[in-house]
Amino acid sequence: MTATTCLFSLAKTKNIHYLVILFLFSSKLSAQNDTIYFNSEWKTTVKDSAIYYRLKPVKIKTRKAIGRKIPYIDSLYVIKDYYVKNNALQFEGYTKDVEGNDNVGKAKWFKEDGTVLYSRDFNKPAPGTFRVPSPPITYINYSITDKSLLTAGYEFCLDCKTNNKLFLGIGYGVTNSYNGQYYSLPDLHLSQNISILFAKIGTTHKNGYIMGGLSLMNFIDLGFGYSLPYNSDKAPAFEGFTMSLNLRFTRNRRAYSQFIGY
């Protein structure tokens, strides 16, 4: 082997060593950049004063993460936080945002010894709280006996996870009960919509009513029922067999049946 060949071999070996060292250094630097450190108040800080740390969140398909689809959200971020002291898992869950603020599905918090401190399903309201379903549904209802009644207001879908919907409605109606005079009737009702059928019960300060009939994807309810005044001696009375047409307008797709789409 000539001297020139030896020198070329040594130079090649050194270059390989440099490349390996550079690769290891880059990998370590990348790992450090992918780690976020937090202090005791969960504010970002440097490693030396950190209590917790989080590796760069990765994305996972929504159905795989929580077992169901979310409209307009194809993937979720997997959030895992750790204790700096012993590298034990402190939190694991899924969020819509990379910062880890908008939680979805089940999440768990852990003590330093690995035991579960607290768990929560973010698909359900927190214990002891009441959450009004949103967005509200605008409804318009036209009912007729020997008189006509036009009512409009808002409904809230109390149970929209299945095809069996329960609507709570609050509205305000106007009727031309007597001699062309208009009278107001505030409305409160519950409507249970199951497949293509619905059953409804409601009240005003003057009368109560029951209704049942056909529903077209919960967008149109066509019903027949009976209205009974609480005191027929006082105007306005809305009494007798009743036919009604109810329309719902909302951006909440879950309020409608799955034929309209989820």
Protein backbone atom coordinates (compact mmCIF):
# COMPACT_ATOMS: atom_id res chain seq x y z
CA MET A 1 0.00 0.00 0.00
CA THR A 2 1.44 3.33 -0.99
CA ALA A 3 1.74 6.34 1.25
CA THR A 4 -0.82 8.19 -0.83
CA THR A 5 -3.31 5.35 -0.42
CA CYS A 6 -2.76 5.27 3.33
CA LEU A 7 -3.32 9.00 3.63
CA PHE A 8 -6.51 8.77 1.56
CA SER A 9 -7.78 5.89 3.74
CA LEU A 10 -7.08 7.82 6.96
CA ALA A 11 -8.81 10.93 5.61
CA LYS A 12 -11.85 8.88 4.58
CA THR A 13 -12.03 7.26 8.04
CA LYS A 14 -11.82 10.66 9.75
CA ASN A 15 -14.62 12.01 7.52
CA ILE A 16 -16.82 9.10 8.50
CA HIS A 17 -16.12 9.76 12.17
CA TYR A 18 -16.97 13.44 11.71
CA LEU A 19 -20.23 12.54 10.00
CA VAL A 20 -21.20 10.15 12.82
CA ILE A 21 -20.38 12.77 15.46
CA LEU A 22 -22.30 15.42 13.52
CA PHE A 23 -25.31 13.11 13.19
CA LEU A 24 -25.33 12.31 16.92
CA PHE A 25 -24.98 15.97 17.82
CA SER A 26 -27.79 16.97 15.45
CA SER A 27 -30.06 14.26 16.84
CA LYS A 28 -29.41 15.43 20.39
CA LEU A 29 -29.99 19.06 19.44
CA SER A 30 -33.22 18.14 17.64
CA ALA A 31 -34.45 16.18 20.67
CA GLN A 32 -33.74 19.18 22.90
CA ASN A 33 -35.65 21.48 20.55
CA ASP A 34 -38.60 19.05 20.60
CA THR A 35 -38.79 19.21 24.42
CA ILE A 36 -40.79 21.92 26.21
CA TYR A 37 -40.01 22.60 29.87
CA PHE A 38 -42.47 23.96 32.45
CA ASN A 39 -42.16 25.32 35.98
CA SER A 40 -44.51 24.52 38.87
CA GLU A 41 -47.13 26.93 37.46
CA TRP A 42 -46.96 25.34 34.00
CA LYS A 43 -45.23 28.30 32.43
CA THR A 44 -42.47 27.59 29.93
CA THR A 45 -38.97 27.81 31.35
CA VAL A 46 -35.43 26.47 30.89
CA LYS A 47 -34.40 22.93 31.73
CA ASP A 48 -32.48 23.81 34.90
CA SER A 49 -35.57 25.29 36.61
CA ALA A 50 -38.18 22.91 35.16
CA ILE A 51 -40.52 20.66 37.13
CA TYR A 52 -42.25 19.09 34.14
CA TYR A 53 -41.43 18.58 30.50
CA ARG A 54 -43.32 17.64 27.34
CA LEU A 55 -42.02 15.96 24.23
CA LYS A 56 -43.12 17.32 20.86
CA PRO A 57 -46.78 16.25 20.39
CA VAL A 58 -47.44 13.79 17.57
CA LYS A 59 -50.66 13.54 15.57
CA ILE A 60 -53.00 10.56 15.45
CA LYS A 61 -56.23 9.88 13.57
CA THR A 62 -59.25 11.07 15.56
CA ARG A 63 -61.16 7.79 15.35
CA LYS A 64 -58.11 5.83 16.49
CA ALA A 65 -57.57 8.22 19.41
CA ILE A 66 -61.10 8.45 20.86
CA GLY A 67 -63.05 5.83 18.92
CA ARG A 68 -65.25 8.22 16.94
CA LYS A 69 -65.12 10.99 14.39
CA ILE A 70 -65.29 14.71 15.12
CA PRO A 71 -66.72 16.93 12.36
CA TYR A 72 -64.00 18.76 10.43
CA ILE A 73 -61.19 17.32 12.62
CA ASP A 74 -59.22 14.51 11.01
CA SER A 75 -56.42 14.20 13.58
CA LEU A 76 -55.67 14.97 17.22
CA TYR A 77 -52.43 15.68 19.08
CA VAL A 78 -51.15 13.16 21.62
CA ILE A 79 -50.03 15.09 24.70
CA LYS A 80 -47.69 13.44 27.21
CA ASP A 81 -46.11 15.33 30.11
CA TYR A 82 -43.41 14.00 32.43
CA TYR A 83 -41.81 14.77 35.79
CA VAL A 84 -38.25 16.04 35.36
CA LYS A 85 -37.25 14.46 38.67
CA ASN A 86 -37.71 10.83 37.60
CA ASN A 87 -39.05 10.99 34.00
CA ALA A 88 -42.32 9.45 35.17
CA LEU A 89 -45.50 10.16 33.22
CA GLN A 90 -47.47 13.10 34.66
CA PHE A 91 -50.27 13.47 32.09
CA GLU A 92 -51.56 11.81 28.93
CA GLY A 93 -54.46 12.84 26.70
CA TYR A 94 -55.57 14.20 23.34
CA THR A 95 -56.09 17.78 22.20
CA LYS A 96 -57.26 19.61 19.09
CA ASP A 97 -54.39 22.11 19.32
CA VAL A 98 -50.65 21.54 19.51
CA GLU A 99 -50.39 23.71 22.66
CA GLY A 100 -52.51 21.15 24.56
CA ASN A 101 -55.32 23.48 25.65
CA ASP A 102 -58.39 22.06 23.87
CA ASN A 103 -58.77 18.56 25.33
CA VAL A 104 -60.86 15.81 23.75
CA GLY A 105 -61.71 12.33 24.98
CA LYS A 106 -60.23 10.66 28.04
CA ALA A 107 -57.26 12.08 29.96
CA LYS A 108 -55.27 10.96 33.02
CA TRP A 109 -53.03 12.68 35.54
CA PHE A 110 -50.45 10.68 37.49
CA LYS A 111 -48.49 10.99 40.72
CA GLU A 112 -44.70 10.71 40.68
CA ASP A 113 -44.96 7.05 41.73
CA GLY A 114 -47.07 6.23 38.65
CA THR A 115 -50.47 5.89 40.34
CA VAL A 116 -53.45 7.67 38.79
CA LEU A 117 -54.20 10.97 40.54
CA TYR A 118 -57.26 12.00 38.48
CA SER A 119 -59.01 11.06 35.26
CA ARG A 120 -61.64 12.79 33.16
CA ASP A 121 -63.62 12.27 29.99
CA PHE A 122 -63.73 15.66 28.22
CA ASN A 123 -66.67 14.51 26.11
CA LYS A 124 -68.77 14.89 29.27
CA PRO A 125 -69.35 17.95 31.50
CA ALA A 126 -67.08 18.21 34.53
CA PRO A 127 -68.65 16.85 37.76
CA GLY A 128 -70.90 19.39 39.43
CA THR A 129 -71.28 21.57 36.34
CA PHE A 130 -74.12 22.11 33.89
CA ARG A 131 -73.39 22.80 30.26
CA VAL A 132 -76.07 24.28 28.01
CA PRO A 133 -75.94 22.52 24.63
CA SER A 134 -74.83 24.79 21.82
CA PRO A 135 -75.37 26.20 19.33
CA PRO A 136 -79.11 26.80 19.88
CA ILE A 137 -81.69 25.84 17.29
CA THR A 138 -84.07 28.39 15.86
CA TYR A 139 -87.58 27.00 15.47
CA ILE A 140 -90.75 28.33 13.82
CA ASN A 141 -94.07 26.65 14.52
CA TYR A 142 -97.48 27.21 12.99
CA SER A 143 -100.48 25.64 14.75
CA ILE A 144 -104.18 25.86 13.95
CA THR A 145 -107.44 24.85 15.60
CA ASP A 146 -110.33 27.17 14.84
CA LYS A 147 -107.69 29.87 15.32
CA SER A 148 -104.08 30.16 14.17
CA LEU A 149 -100.95 30.48 16.31
CA LEU A 150 -97.48 31.41 15.06
CA THR A 151 -94.61 30.72 17.47
CA ALA A 152 -90.85 31.24 17.16
CA GLY A 153 -87.96 30.77 19.55
CA TYR A 154 -84.98 28.61 20.43
CA GLU A 155 -84.56 24.91 21.10
CA PHE A 156 -81.67 23.15 22.83
CA CYS A 157 -80.75 19.59 21.93
CA LEU A 158 -80.42 17.88 25.31
CA ASP A 159 -79.42 14.55 23.78
CA CYS A 160 -77.91 14.63 20.30
CA LYS A 161 -75.45 11.73 20.40
CA THR A 162 -77.90 9.24 18.88
CA ASN A 163 -80.83 9.35 16.47
CA ASN A 164 -83.16 9.76 19.45
CA LYS A 165 -83.14 13.52 19.95
CA LEU A 166 -84.60 15.40 22.90
CA PHE A 167 -85.35 19.09 22.29
CA LEU A 168 -86.14 21.69 24.96
CA GLY A 169 -87.83 24.73 23.44
CA ILE A 170 -88.53 28.26 24.67
CA GLY A 171 -90.44 30.64 22.43
CA TYR A 172 -93.05 33.31 21.97
CA GLY A 173 -96.30 32.95 20.03
CA VAL A 174 -98.94 35.27 18.61
CA THR A 175 -102.56 34.30 17.97
CA ASN A 176 -105.52 36.15 16.48
CA SER A 177 -107.92 34.57 18.91
CA TYR A 178 -110.78 37.03 19.14
CA ASN A 179 -112.24 39.56 16.70
CA GLY A 180 -108.97 39.96 14.81
CA GLN A 181 -107.10 40.98 17.97
CA TYR A 182 -103.58 39.58 18.48
CA TYR A 183 -102.58 37.95 21.76
CA SER A 184 -99.18 36.71 22.94
CA LEU A 185 -98.53 33.22 24.26
CA PRO A 186 -95.06 32.36 25.63
CA ASP A 187 -94.17 28.75 24.84
CA LEU A 188 -92.25 26.03 26.70
CA HIS A 189 -92.04 22.50 25.30
CA LEU A 190 -90.19 19.18 25.13
CA SER A 191 -90.01 17.22 21.88
CA GLN A 192 -88.75 13.64 21.64
CA ASN A 193 -87.79 12.78 18.05
CA ILE A 194 -87.17 9.12 17.29
CA SER A 195 -86.36 8.19 13.69
CA ILE A 196 -89.25 9.52 11.56
CA LEU A 197 -91.62 10.04 14.50
CA PHE A 198 -91.90 12.67 17.23
CA ALA A 199 -93.92 13.25 20.40
CA LYS A 200 -94.24 16.70 21.94
CA ILE A 201 -95.68 18.18 25.11
CA GLY A 202 -95.84 21.90 25.88
CA THR A 203 -97.47 24.71 27.74
CA THR A 204 -98.20 28.43 27.63
CA HIS A 205 -99.61 30.53 30.48
CA LYS A 206 -103.07 29.91 28.97
CA ASN A 207 -103.07 26.30 27.72
CA GLY A 208 -101.27 22.98 27.60
CA TYR A 209 -100.92 20.73 24.57
CA ILE A 210 -99.71 17.36 23.33
CA MET A 211 -98.62 16.60 19.80
CA GLY A 212 -97.34 13.67 17.76
CA GLY A 213 -96.62 12.87 14.14
CA LEU A 214 -94.00 12.53 11.45
CA SER A 215 -90.57 14.13 11.32
CA LEU A 216 -88.48 14.67 8.21
CA MET A 217 -84.88 14.36 9.48
CA ASN A 218 -85.87 16.62 12.43
CA PHE A 219 -85.95 19.56 10.06
CA ILE A 220 -89.72 19.44 9.55
CA ASP A 221 -92.19 18.08 12.13
CA LEU A 222 -95.75 17.62 10.93
CA GLY A 223 -98.05 16.84 13.85
CA PHE A 224 -101.57 16.35 15.13
CA GLY A 225 -102.69 16.70 18.72
CA TYR A 226 -104.94 18.43 21.22
CA SER A 227 -104.77 21.76 23.05
CA LEU A 228 -106.55 22.27 26.35
CA PRO A 229 -106.99 25.77 27.90
CA TYR A 230 -106.46 26.13 31.63
CA ASN A 231 -109.43 28.51 31.86
CA SER A 232 -111.76 28.66 28.87
CA ASP A 233 -113.55 31.70 30.27
CA LYS A 234 -110.59 33.98 29.65
CA ALA A 235 -109.13 35.09 26.32
CA PRO A 236 -107.18 34.02 24.45
CA ALA A 237 -108.22 30.35 24.41
CA PHE A 238 -106.51 27.92 22.08
CA GLU A 239 -108.63 24.81 22.41
CA GLY A 240 -109.37 21.64 20.50
CA PHE A 241 -107.74 19.30 18.01
CA THR A 242 -104.62 20.91 16.60
CA MET A 243 -102.48 20.54 13.50
CA SER A 244 -98.97 21.96 13.46
CA LEU A 245 -95.94 22.48 11.25
CA ASN A 246 -92.55 22.95 12.92
CA LEU A 247 -89.29 23.99 11.22
CA ARG A 248 -85.77 23.89 12.72
CA PHE A 249 -82.75 25.88 11.57
CA THR A 250 -79.28 25.32 13.03
CA ARG A 251 -75.59 24.86 12.22
CA ASN A 252 -75.47 22.03 14.76
CA ARG A 253 -75.56 19.04 12.43
CA ARG A 254 -76.18 16.65 15.30
CA ALA A 255 -79.62 18.18 15.77
CA TYR A 256 -80.69 16.61 12.50
CA SER A 257 -80.82 12.91 11.69
CA GLN A 258 -77.79 11.20 10.16
CA PHE A 259 -79.39 11.35 6.72
CA ILE A 260 -78.56 15.07 6.63
CA GLY A 261 -75.05 14.20 7.73
CA TYR A 262 -72.60 14.28 10.59
